[in-house]
N, C-alpha and C. Protein backbone atom coordinates (compact mmCIF):
# COMPACT_ATOMS: atom_id res chain seq x y z
N MET A 1 100.40 24.08 79.79
CA MET A 1 101.72 24.43 80.32
C MET A 1 101.55 25.04 81.71
N THR A 2 102.41 24.63 82.61
CA THR A 2 102.35 25.12 83.97
C THR A 2 103.11 26.43 84.07
N SER A 3 102.52 27.41 84.75
CA SER A 3 103.20 28.69 84.94
C SER A 3 104.25 28.55 86.03
N PRO A 4 105.26 29.43 86.06
CA PRO A 4 106.29 29.35 87.09
C PRO A 4 105.72 29.40 88.51
N SER A 5 104.67 30.20 88.72
CA SER A 5 104.10 30.28 90.08
C SER A 5 103.41 28.98 90.45
N GLU A 6 102.76 28.31 89.47
CA GLU A 6 102.14 27.01 89.73
C GLU A 6 103.20 25.96 90.03
N SER A 7 104.35 26.05 89.33
CA SER A 7 105.46 25.12 89.56
C SER A 7 105.94 25.22 91.00
N VAL A 8 106.17 26.44 91.44
CA VAL A 8 106.63 26.66 92.81
C VAL A 8 105.56 26.20 93.79
N GLU A 9 104.30 26.46 93.46
CA GLU A 9 103.21 26.11 94.35
C GLU A 9 103.12 24.60 94.58
N ILE A 10 103.23 23.79 93.55
CA ILE A 10 103.10 22.34 93.74
C ILE A 10 104.24 21.82 94.61
N LEU A 11 105.44 22.31 94.41
CA LEU A 11 106.57 21.84 95.21
C LEU A 11 106.42 22.28 96.67
N ALA A 12 105.98 23.51 96.87
CA ALA A 12 105.76 23.99 98.24
C ALA A 12 104.64 23.20 98.91
N ARG A 13 103.58 22.94 98.16
CA ARG A 13 102.47 22.15 98.72
C ARG A 13 102.94 20.74 99.09
N LEU A 14 103.71 20.12 98.21
CA LEU A 14 104.20 18.78 98.50
C LEU A 14 105.03 18.77 99.78
N ARG A 15 105.95 19.72 99.90
CA ARG A 15 106.79 19.78 101.11
C ARG A 15 105.94 20.01 102.35
N GLN A 16 105.05 20.98 102.28
CA GLN A 16 104.25 21.37 103.45
C GLN A 16 103.20 20.31 103.81
N GLU A 17 102.45 19.84 102.83
CA GLU A 17 101.31 18.97 103.13
C GLU A 17 101.70 17.52 103.39
N THR A 18 102.90 17.13 102.98
CA THR A 18 103.34 15.77 103.28
C THR A 18 104.23 15.73 104.52
N ARG A 19 104.56 16.86 105.09
CA ARG A 19 105.48 16.92 106.23
C ARG A 19 105.05 16.02 107.39
N PRO A 20 103.80 16.03 107.83
CA PRO A 20 103.44 15.15 108.96
C PRO A 20 103.66 13.65 108.64
N SER A 21 103.30 13.23 107.44
CA SER A 21 103.48 11.82 107.06
C SER A 21 104.95 11.49 106.88
N HIS A 22 105.70 12.44 106.34
CA HIS A 22 107.14 12.28 106.16
C HIS A 22 107.82 12.14 107.52
N ASP A 23 107.47 13.02 108.46
CA ASP A 23 108.05 12.97 109.80
C ASP A 23 107.72 11.67 110.52
N ALA A 24 106.48 11.20 110.38
CA ALA A 24 106.08 9.94 111.01
C ALA A 24 106.90 8.78 110.45
N LEU A 25 107.09 8.76 109.16
CA LEU A 25 107.89 7.71 108.53
C LEU A 25 109.33 7.75 109.03
N GLU A 26 109.89 8.94 109.13
CA GLU A 26 111.28 9.07 109.56
C GLU A 26 111.49 8.70 111.02
N ALA A 27 110.42 8.62 111.80
CA ALA A 27 110.53 8.26 113.22
C ALA A 27 110.61 6.75 113.41
N ASN A 28 110.81 5.99 112.34
CA ASN A 28 110.84 4.53 112.45
C ASN A 28 112.05 4.06 113.25
N GLU A 29 111.99 2.81 113.66
CA GLU A 29 113.02 2.20 114.51
C GLU A 29 114.41 2.26 113.87
N PHE A 30 114.50 2.01 112.57
CA PHE A 30 115.78 2.05 111.88
C PHE A 30 116.42 3.43 112.00
N ASN A 31 115.65 4.48 111.69
CA ASN A 31 116.19 5.83 111.76
C ASN A 31 116.55 6.23 113.18
N GLN A 32 115.77 5.78 114.15
CA GLN A 32 116.08 6.08 115.55
C GLN A 32 117.43 5.45 115.94
N ALA A 33 117.63 4.19 115.55
CA ALA A 33 118.90 3.52 115.86
C ALA A 33 120.06 4.18 115.11
N LEU A 34 119.80 4.59 113.91
CA LEU A 34 120.82 5.27 113.11
C LEU A 34 121.25 6.56 113.79
N THR A 35 120.27 7.34 114.20
CA THR A 35 120.53 8.62 114.87
C THR A 35 121.25 8.41 116.21
N ALA A 36 120.85 7.37 116.93
CA ALA A 36 121.44 7.09 118.24
C ALA A 36 122.83 6.45 118.13
N GLY A 37 123.21 6.05 116.93
CA GLY A 37 124.50 5.39 116.75
C GLY A 37 124.49 3.95 117.20
N THR A 38 123.28 3.36 117.29
CA THR A 38 123.16 1.97 117.75
C THR A 38 122.71 1.05 116.62
N ILE A 39 122.88 1.49 115.41
CA ILE A 39 122.44 0.72 114.25
C ILE A 39 123.32 -0.53 114.07
N SER A 40 122.71 -1.60 113.60
CA SER A 40 123.45 -2.85 113.36
C SER A 40 123.27 -3.27 111.90
N GLU A 41 124.13 -4.19 111.47
CA GLU A 41 123.98 -4.72 110.12
C GLU A 41 122.65 -5.45 109.98
N ALA A 42 122.23 -6.17 111.03
CA ALA A 42 120.96 -6.91 110.98
C ALA A 42 119.78 -5.96 110.84
N ALA A 43 119.79 -4.86 111.60
CA ALA A 43 118.70 -3.88 111.51
C ALA A 43 118.68 -3.22 110.13
N THR A 44 119.85 -2.98 109.58
CA THR A 44 119.95 -2.39 108.24
C THR A 44 119.37 -3.35 107.21
N ALA A 45 119.71 -4.62 107.32
CA ALA A 45 119.19 -5.63 106.38
C ALA A 45 117.67 -5.75 106.50
N ARG A 46 117.14 -5.71 107.72
CA ARG A 46 115.68 -5.77 107.91
C ARG A 46 114.99 -4.58 107.25
N PHE A 47 115.57 -3.40 107.42
CA PHE A 47 114.99 -2.19 106.84
C PHE A 47 115.05 -2.26 105.31
N LEU A 48 116.18 -2.69 104.78
CA LEU A 48 116.31 -2.84 103.32
C LEU A 48 115.29 -3.85 102.79
N ALA A 49 115.06 -4.92 103.53
CA ALA A 49 114.08 -5.93 103.10
C ALA A 49 112.68 -5.33 103.04
N LYS A 50 112.35 -4.48 104.00
CA LYS A 50 111.04 -3.82 103.99
C LYS A 50 110.96 -2.87 102.79
N LEU A 51 112.02 -2.12 102.55
CA LEU A 51 112.02 -1.21 101.40
C LEU A 51 111.85 -1.99 100.10
N TYR A 52 112.53 -3.12 99.99
CA TYR A 52 112.42 -3.96 98.80
C TYR A 52 110.95 -4.34 98.57
N GLY A 53 110.27 -4.73 99.63
CA GLY A 53 108.88 -5.16 99.52
C GLY A 53 107.94 -4.07 99.04
N PHE A 54 108.32 -2.82 99.22
CA PHE A 54 107.50 -1.69 98.76
C PHE A 54 107.95 -1.19 97.39
N VAL A 55 109.25 -1.08 97.22
CA VAL A 55 109.81 -0.51 95.99
C VAL A 55 109.51 -1.39 94.77
N VAL A 56 109.64 -2.70 94.92
CA VAL A 56 109.45 -3.59 93.77
C VAL A 56 108.05 -3.48 93.18
N PRO A 57 106.97 -3.61 93.97
CA PRO A 57 105.65 -3.48 93.35
C PRO A 57 105.37 -2.07 92.84
N PHE A 58 105.94 -1.05 93.51
CA PHE A 58 105.76 0.32 93.00
C PHE A 58 106.40 0.44 91.62
N GLU A 59 107.63 -0.03 91.49
CA GLU A 59 108.31 0.07 90.20
C GLU A 59 107.61 -0.75 89.13
N GLU A 60 106.98 -1.86 89.51
CA GLU A 60 106.19 -2.64 88.54
C GLU A 60 105.02 -1.81 88.02
N GLN A 61 104.35 -1.08 88.91
CA GLN A 61 103.25 -0.21 88.49
C GLN A 61 103.75 0.92 87.59
N LEU A 62 104.89 1.50 87.95
CA LEU A 62 105.46 2.58 87.16
C LEU A 62 105.84 2.07 85.76
N ARG A 63 106.43 0.89 85.69
CA ARG A 63 106.76 0.29 84.38
C ARG A 63 105.50 0.06 83.55
N ALA A 64 104.45 -0.42 84.20
CA ALA A 64 103.20 -0.69 83.49
C ALA A 64 102.59 0.58 82.89
N HIS A 65 102.91 1.71 83.48
CA HIS A 65 102.35 2.99 83.00
C HIS A 65 103.44 3.93 82.47
N SER A 66 104.57 3.37 82.07
CA SER A 66 105.69 4.20 81.62
C SER A 66 105.36 5.02 80.38
N HIS A 67 104.30 4.60 79.66
CA HIS A 67 103.90 5.36 78.46
C HIS A 67 103.42 6.77 78.81
N TRP A 68 103.14 7.02 80.09
CA TRP A 68 102.74 8.37 80.51
C TRP A 68 103.93 9.29 80.73
N PHE A 69 105.14 8.75 80.59
CA PHE A 69 106.36 9.50 80.86
C PHE A 69 107.28 9.43 79.65
N GLY A 70 107.79 10.56 79.24
CA GLY A 70 108.69 10.60 78.10
C GLY A 70 110.11 10.22 78.50
N PRO A 71 111.02 10.15 77.53
CA PRO A 71 112.40 9.76 77.81
C PRO A 71 113.12 10.72 78.76
N GLU A 72 112.66 11.96 78.82
CA GLU A 72 113.30 12.94 79.70
C GLU A 72 113.18 12.57 81.18
N TRP A 73 112.22 11.70 81.52
CA TRP A 73 112.05 11.26 82.91
C TRP A 73 113.11 10.25 83.32
N GLU A 74 113.77 9.61 82.38
CA GLU A 74 114.82 8.62 82.65
C GLU A 74 114.37 7.60 83.70
N LEU A 75 113.19 7.04 83.49
CA LEU A 75 112.62 6.12 84.49
C LEU A 75 113.53 4.94 84.79
N GLU A 76 114.04 4.30 83.76
CA GLU A 76 114.89 3.12 84.01
C GLU A 76 116.08 3.46 84.89
N ARG A 77 116.62 4.62 84.70
CA ARG A 77 117.77 5.05 85.50
C ARG A 77 117.36 5.29 86.96
N ARG A 78 116.11 5.64 87.17
CA ARG A 78 115.63 5.95 88.52
C ARG A 78 115.23 4.70 89.31
N PHE A 79 115.01 3.59 88.64
CA PHE A 79 114.60 2.38 89.35
C PHE A 79 115.71 1.92 90.29
N ARG A 80 115.33 1.63 91.53
CA ARG A 80 116.33 1.27 92.54
C ARG A 80 116.16 -0.15 93.07
N SER A 81 115.17 -0.89 92.56
CA SER A 81 115.04 -2.28 93.02
C SER A 81 116.28 -3.12 92.68
N PRO A 82 116.97 -2.88 91.57
CA PRO A 82 118.20 -3.65 91.33
C PRO A 82 119.26 -3.41 92.41
N LEU A 83 119.29 -2.20 92.96
CA LEU A 83 120.24 -1.90 94.04
C LEU A 83 119.86 -2.66 95.30
N LEU A 84 118.57 -2.78 95.56
CA LEU A 84 118.11 -3.56 96.72
C LEU A 84 118.44 -5.03 96.52
N SER A 85 118.28 -5.53 95.32
CA SER A 85 118.62 -6.92 95.02
C SER A 85 120.11 -7.16 95.23
N GLN A 86 120.91 -6.16 94.91
CA GLN A 86 122.35 -6.23 95.12
C GLN A 86 122.67 -6.33 96.62
N ASP A 87 121.92 -5.59 97.43
CA ASP A 87 122.14 -5.57 98.89
C ASP A 87 121.60 -6.81 99.59
N LEU A 88 120.59 -7.42 99.02
CA LEU A 88 119.88 -8.51 99.68
C LEU A 88 119.99 -9.79 98.85
N PRO A 89 120.88 -10.69 99.21
CA PRO A 89 121.12 -11.89 98.41
C PRO A 89 119.86 -12.71 98.12
N ALA A 90 118.92 -12.76 99.05
CA ALA A 90 117.71 -13.58 98.85
C ALA A 90 116.49 -12.70 98.59
N ALA A 91 116.70 -11.58 97.92
CA ALA A 91 115.64 -10.60 97.71
C ALA A 91 114.38 -11.20 97.11
N GLU A 92 114.53 -12.08 96.12
CA GLU A 92 113.36 -12.60 95.42
C GLU A 92 112.44 -13.43 96.32
N THR A 93 112.90 -13.80 97.51
CA THR A 93 112.07 -14.57 98.44
C THR A 93 111.32 -13.68 99.42
N LEU A 94 111.58 -12.38 99.38
CA LEU A 94 110.98 -11.47 100.35
C LEU A 94 109.53 -11.16 100.02
N PRO A 95 108.71 -10.93 101.05
CA PRO A 95 107.32 -10.57 100.81
C PRO A 95 107.21 -9.17 100.18
N LEU A 96 106.19 -9.01 99.35
CA LEU A 96 105.93 -7.72 98.69
C LEU A 96 104.70 -7.07 99.30
N ALA A 97 104.74 -5.77 99.40
CA ALA A 97 103.63 -5.01 99.99
C ALA A 97 102.37 -5.15 99.15
N SER A 98 101.26 -5.31 99.83
CA SER A 98 99.97 -5.34 99.14
C SER A 98 99.18 -4.07 99.43
N ASN A 99 99.78 -3.17 100.19
CA ASN A 99 99.07 -1.96 100.61
C ASN A 99 99.54 -0.70 99.89
N LEU A 100 100.01 -0.86 98.65
CA LEU A 100 100.43 0.33 97.91
C LEU A 100 99.27 1.30 97.78
N PRO A 101 99.58 2.58 97.67
CA PRO A 101 98.50 3.53 97.39
C PRO A 101 97.98 3.28 95.98
N PRO A 102 96.79 3.78 95.64
CA PRO A 102 96.32 3.64 94.26
C PRO A 102 97.31 4.31 93.30
N LEU A 103 97.65 3.62 92.23
CA LEU A 103 98.60 4.13 91.25
C LEU A 103 98.01 3.94 89.85
N HIS A 104 96.81 4.46 89.66
CA HIS A 104 96.07 4.24 88.42
C HIS A 104 96.08 5.43 87.47
N THR A 105 96.57 6.58 87.97
CA THR A 105 96.62 7.77 87.12
C THR A 105 98.03 8.32 87.11
N ARG A 106 98.31 9.15 86.14
CA ARG A 106 99.64 9.78 86.08
C ARG A 106 99.87 10.63 87.33
N ALA A 107 98.85 11.33 87.78
CA ALA A 107 98.99 12.18 88.98
C ALA A 107 99.32 11.34 90.21
N GLN A 108 98.67 10.18 90.35
CA GLN A 108 98.97 9.31 91.49
C GLN A 108 100.41 8.81 91.43
N LEU A 109 100.86 8.44 90.25
CA LEU A 109 102.23 7.99 90.08
C LEU A 109 103.22 9.12 90.37
N LEU A 110 102.89 10.33 89.95
CA LEU A 110 103.77 11.48 90.22
C LEU A 110 103.91 11.72 91.72
N GLY A 111 102.81 11.62 92.44
CA GLY A 111 102.88 11.82 93.90
C GLY A 111 103.73 10.75 94.57
N ALA A 112 103.53 9.49 94.17
CA ALA A 112 104.32 8.40 94.75
C ALA A 112 105.79 8.53 94.34
N LEU A 113 106.01 8.91 93.10
CA LEU A 113 107.38 9.08 92.62
C LEU A 113 108.10 10.19 93.38
N TYR A 114 107.38 11.23 93.76
CA TYR A 114 107.96 12.31 94.57
C TYR A 114 108.54 11.73 95.86
N VAL A 115 107.82 10.83 96.49
CA VAL A 115 108.27 10.23 97.75
C VAL A 115 109.51 9.36 97.52
N LEU A 116 109.44 8.48 96.52
CA LEU A 116 110.54 7.55 96.31
C LEU A 116 111.77 8.22 95.73
N GLU A 117 111.58 9.22 94.90
CA GLU A 117 112.74 9.98 94.40
C GLU A 117 113.35 10.80 95.53
N GLY A 118 112.52 11.37 96.37
CA GLY A 118 113.02 12.14 97.51
C GLY A 118 113.86 11.29 98.45
N SER A 119 113.53 10.01 98.51
CA SER A 119 114.29 9.13 99.39
C SER A 119 115.73 8.95 98.94
N THR A 120 116.03 9.29 97.69
CA THR A 120 117.42 9.19 97.24
C THR A 120 118.28 10.20 97.98
N LEU A 121 117.70 11.35 98.31
CA LEU A 121 118.45 12.37 99.06
C LEU A 121 118.71 11.87 100.48
N GLY A 122 117.68 11.33 101.12
CA GLY A 122 117.85 10.78 102.45
C GLY A 122 118.81 9.61 102.46
N GLY A 123 118.82 8.84 101.38
CA GLY A 123 119.72 7.70 101.28
C GLY A 123 121.18 8.12 101.35
N GLN A 124 121.49 9.27 100.79
CA GLN A 124 122.86 9.78 100.85
C GLN A 124 123.27 10.04 102.30
N VAL A 125 122.37 10.61 103.07
CA VAL A 125 122.62 10.88 104.50
C VAL A 125 122.78 9.57 105.25
N ILE A 126 121.88 8.62 104.96
CA ILE A 126 121.94 7.31 105.62
C ILE A 126 123.25 6.59 105.30
N ALA A 127 123.68 6.63 104.05
CA ALA A 127 124.93 5.97 103.65
C ALA A 127 126.10 6.52 104.46
N ARG A 128 126.13 7.84 104.64
CA ARG A 128 127.22 8.45 105.43
C ARG A 128 127.14 8.01 106.89
N GLN A 129 125.93 7.95 107.45
CA GLN A 129 125.77 7.55 108.84
C GLN A 129 126.14 6.07 109.03
N LEU A 130 125.77 5.23 108.07
CA LEU A 130 126.14 3.82 108.15
C LEU A 130 127.67 3.67 108.14
N ALA A 131 128.32 4.41 107.25
CA ALA A 131 129.78 4.36 107.17
C ALA A 131 130.40 4.80 108.50
N LYS A 132 129.84 5.85 109.10
CA LYS A 132 130.34 6.36 110.37
C LYS A 132 130.19 5.31 111.47
N ASN A 133 129.16 4.47 111.36
CA ASN A 133 128.91 3.42 112.36
C ASN A 133 129.58 2.09 111.99
N GLY A 134 130.42 2.12 110.95
CA GLY A 134 131.17 0.93 110.58
C GLY A 134 130.36 -0.13 109.86
N ILE A 135 129.21 0.25 109.36
CA ILE A 135 128.38 -0.70 108.61
C ILE A 135 128.64 -0.46 107.13
N PRO A 136 128.96 -1.54 106.41
CA PRO A 136 129.28 -1.36 104.99
C PRO A 136 128.17 -0.58 104.28
N THR A 137 128.58 0.39 103.49
CA THR A 137 127.61 1.19 102.75
C THR A 137 126.84 0.29 101.80
N ARG A 138 125.57 0.46 101.77
CA ARG A 138 124.70 -0.35 100.94
C ARG A 138 124.45 0.34 99.61
N ALA A 139 124.34 -0.43 98.56
CA ALA A 139 124.12 0.10 97.21
C ALA A 139 122.84 0.95 97.15
N TYR A 140 121.77 0.49 97.80
CA TYR A 140 120.50 1.21 97.74
C TYR A 140 120.64 2.62 98.30
N PHE A 141 121.28 2.73 99.45
CA PHE A 141 121.40 4.05 100.07
C PHE A 141 122.34 4.96 99.30
N SER A 142 123.37 4.39 98.70
CA SER A 142 124.29 5.20 97.90
C SER A 142 123.62 5.63 96.60
N GLY A 143 122.70 4.81 96.13
CA GLY A 143 121.86 5.16 94.99
C GLY A 143 122.61 5.66 93.78
N HIS A 144 122.37 6.89 93.47
CA HIS A 144 122.94 7.50 92.27
C HIS A 144 124.25 8.23 92.55
N ALA A 145 124.76 8.08 93.78
CA ALA A 145 126.03 8.70 94.19
C ALA A 145 126.04 10.19 93.84
N GLU A 146 127.06 10.62 93.10
CA GLU A 146 127.19 12.06 92.79
C GLU A 146 126.10 12.56 91.83
N GLN A 147 125.37 11.65 91.22
CA GLN A 147 124.28 12.06 90.32
C GLN A 147 122.95 12.24 91.07
N THR A 148 122.93 11.97 92.36
CA THR A 148 121.69 12.07 93.14
C THR A 148 121.10 13.48 93.07
N GLY A 149 121.91 14.47 93.35
CA GLY A 149 121.44 15.86 93.33
C GLY A 149 120.91 16.28 91.97
N PRO A 150 121.70 16.09 90.90
CA PRO A 150 121.21 16.47 89.57
C PRO A 150 119.95 15.70 89.15
N LEU A 151 119.86 14.40 89.50
CA LEU A 151 118.66 13.64 89.14
C LEU A 151 117.44 14.14 89.91
N TRP A 152 117.62 14.48 91.18
CA TRP A 152 116.52 15.03 91.97
C TRP A 152 116.08 16.37 91.37
N LYS A 153 117.04 17.20 91.03
CA LYS A 153 116.71 18.51 90.46
C LYS A 153 115.93 18.35 89.15
N SER A 154 116.36 17.43 88.30
CA SER A 154 115.63 17.23 87.04
C SER A 154 114.24 16.67 87.32
N PHE A 155 114.13 15.80 88.32
CA PHE A 155 112.82 15.25 88.66
C PHE A 155 111.86 16.35 89.11
N VAL A 156 112.28 17.22 90.03
CA VAL A 156 111.34 18.24 90.52
C VAL A 156 110.98 19.23 89.42
N GLN A 157 111.90 19.48 88.49
CA GLN A 157 111.57 20.35 87.36
C GLN A 157 110.51 19.69 86.48
N LEU A 158 110.68 18.41 86.20
CA LEU A 158 109.70 17.68 85.38
C LEU A 158 108.36 17.58 86.11
N LEU A 159 108.40 17.31 87.39
CA LEU A 159 107.17 17.23 88.18
C LEU A 159 106.44 18.57 88.17
N ALA A 160 107.18 19.64 88.40
CA ALA A 160 106.56 20.97 88.41
C ALA A 160 105.94 21.30 87.06
N ALA A 161 106.60 20.92 85.98
CA ALA A 161 106.08 21.18 84.64
C ALA A 161 104.86 20.30 84.34
N ALA A 162 104.82 19.10 84.91
CA ALA A 162 103.73 18.16 84.64
C ALA A 162 102.47 18.47 85.45
N ALA A 163 102.64 19.06 86.61
CA ALA A 163 101.50 19.35 87.47
C ALA A 163 100.65 20.46 86.88
N THR A 164 99.36 20.31 87.01
CA THR A 164 98.43 21.35 86.57
C THR A 164 97.50 21.67 87.74
N PRO A 165 96.78 22.78 87.67
CA PRO A 165 95.82 23.06 88.74
C PRO A 165 94.81 21.91 88.92
N GLU A 166 94.52 21.21 87.83
CA GLU A 166 93.55 20.10 87.89
C GLU A 166 94.14 18.84 88.55
N THR A 167 95.47 18.67 88.47
CA THR A 167 96.08 17.45 89.02
C THR A 167 96.80 17.67 90.35
N ALA A 168 96.99 18.92 90.76
CA ALA A 168 97.80 19.22 91.95
C ALA A 168 97.27 18.51 93.21
N ASP A 169 95.97 18.58 93.44
CA ASP A 169 95.42 17.94 94.65
C ASP A 169 95.66 16.44 94.64
N GLU A 170 95.51 15.81 93.49
CA GLU A 170 95.70 14.36 93.38
C GLU A 170 97.18 13.99 93.59
N ILE A 171 98.09 14.80 93.07
CA ILE A 171 99.53 14.55 93.27
C ILE A 171 99.88 14.63 94.75
N VAL A 172 99.42 15.68 95.41
CA VAL A 172 99.73 15.87 96.84
C VAL A 172 99.09 14.76 97.68
N ALA A 173 97.85 14.41 97.38
CA ALA A 173 97.18 13.33 98.14
C ALA A 173 97.91 12.01 97.95
N SER A 174 98.36 11.73 96.75
CA SER A 174 99.08 10.49 96.49
C SER A 174 100.42 10.46 97.22
N ALA A 175 101.11 11.57 97.25
CA ALA A 175 102.39 11.64 97.97
C ALA A 175 102.16 11.39 99.46
N SER A 176 101.16 12.03 100.03
CA SER A 176 100.86 11.83 101.46
C SER A 176 100.50 10.37 101.74
N LEU A 177 99.67 9.81 100.90
CA LEU A 177 99.25 8.42 101.09
C LEU A 177 100.43 7.46 100.90
N THR A 178 101.33 7.78 99.99
CA THR A 178 102.51 6.94 99.79
C THR A 178 103.37 6.93 101.05
N PHE A 179 103.60 8.11 101.64
CA PHE A 179 104.35 8.16 102.90
C PHE A 179 103.65 7.30 103.96
N GLN A 180 102.32 7.42 104.06
CA GLN A 180 101.57 6.68 105.08
C GLN A 180 101.64 5.18 104.85
N ARG A 181 101.43 4.75 103.61
CA ARG A 181 101.44 3.32 103.31
C ARG A 181 102.84 2.72 103.48
N LEU A 182 103.86 3.47 103.10
CA LEU A 182 105.23 3.00 103.30
C LEU A 182 105.51 2.85 104.79
N HIS A 183 105.07 3.82 105.58
CA HIS A 183 105.25 3.75 107.03
C HIS A 183 104.53 2.53 107.60
N GLN A 184 103.30 2.30 107.18
CA GLN A 184 102.56 1.12 107.65
C GLN A 184 103.30 -0.16 107.28
N TRP A 185 103.82 -0.23 106.07
CA TRP A 185 104.52 -1.43 105.61
C TRP A 185 105.80 -1.66 106.43
N ILE A 186 106.52 -0.59 106.68
CA ILE A 186 107.78 -0.72 107.43
C ILE A 186 107.51 -1.12 108.88
N GLU A 187 106.45 -0.58 109.44
CA GLU A 187 106.12 -0.89 110.83
C GLU A 187 105.48 -2.27 110.91
């Protein structure tokens, strides 16, 4: 069982130690255009296609190892590839990333899941910015809508409870590497 101080520590470590990789990822062309107010539907579709190529193989790995997660994780509810398929009519023809981080242990999956679950929060911001720029809101960015906050909160509680002193370094390393590999794939 993880103590409350260990719970806080893993979340603080994840925020602090992944910050450089997170910031590098957020500096991508799509986010720059979004921030500048010069975003287009075509650029949005290109970005969604890149996300699809990363999210689909990640979710396949998570499904293959779902036995490491109990029903409280609500994994099926968290999968967002169906939302990408909804946004991208020809999704099944898109290339899939071959540069995923290693996802062979529960700790590695937890680190990667931290990144992809965290993106649901950013997706809410992106959906609002797209709407402001007159671009139809995409299903992927809207994600869980009003359930985004509660699902994120339940995720970080489960993650904090699952992390141990023995797995903390591996979780943080996996999260950092996931940010880096996603950035490489998008670029």
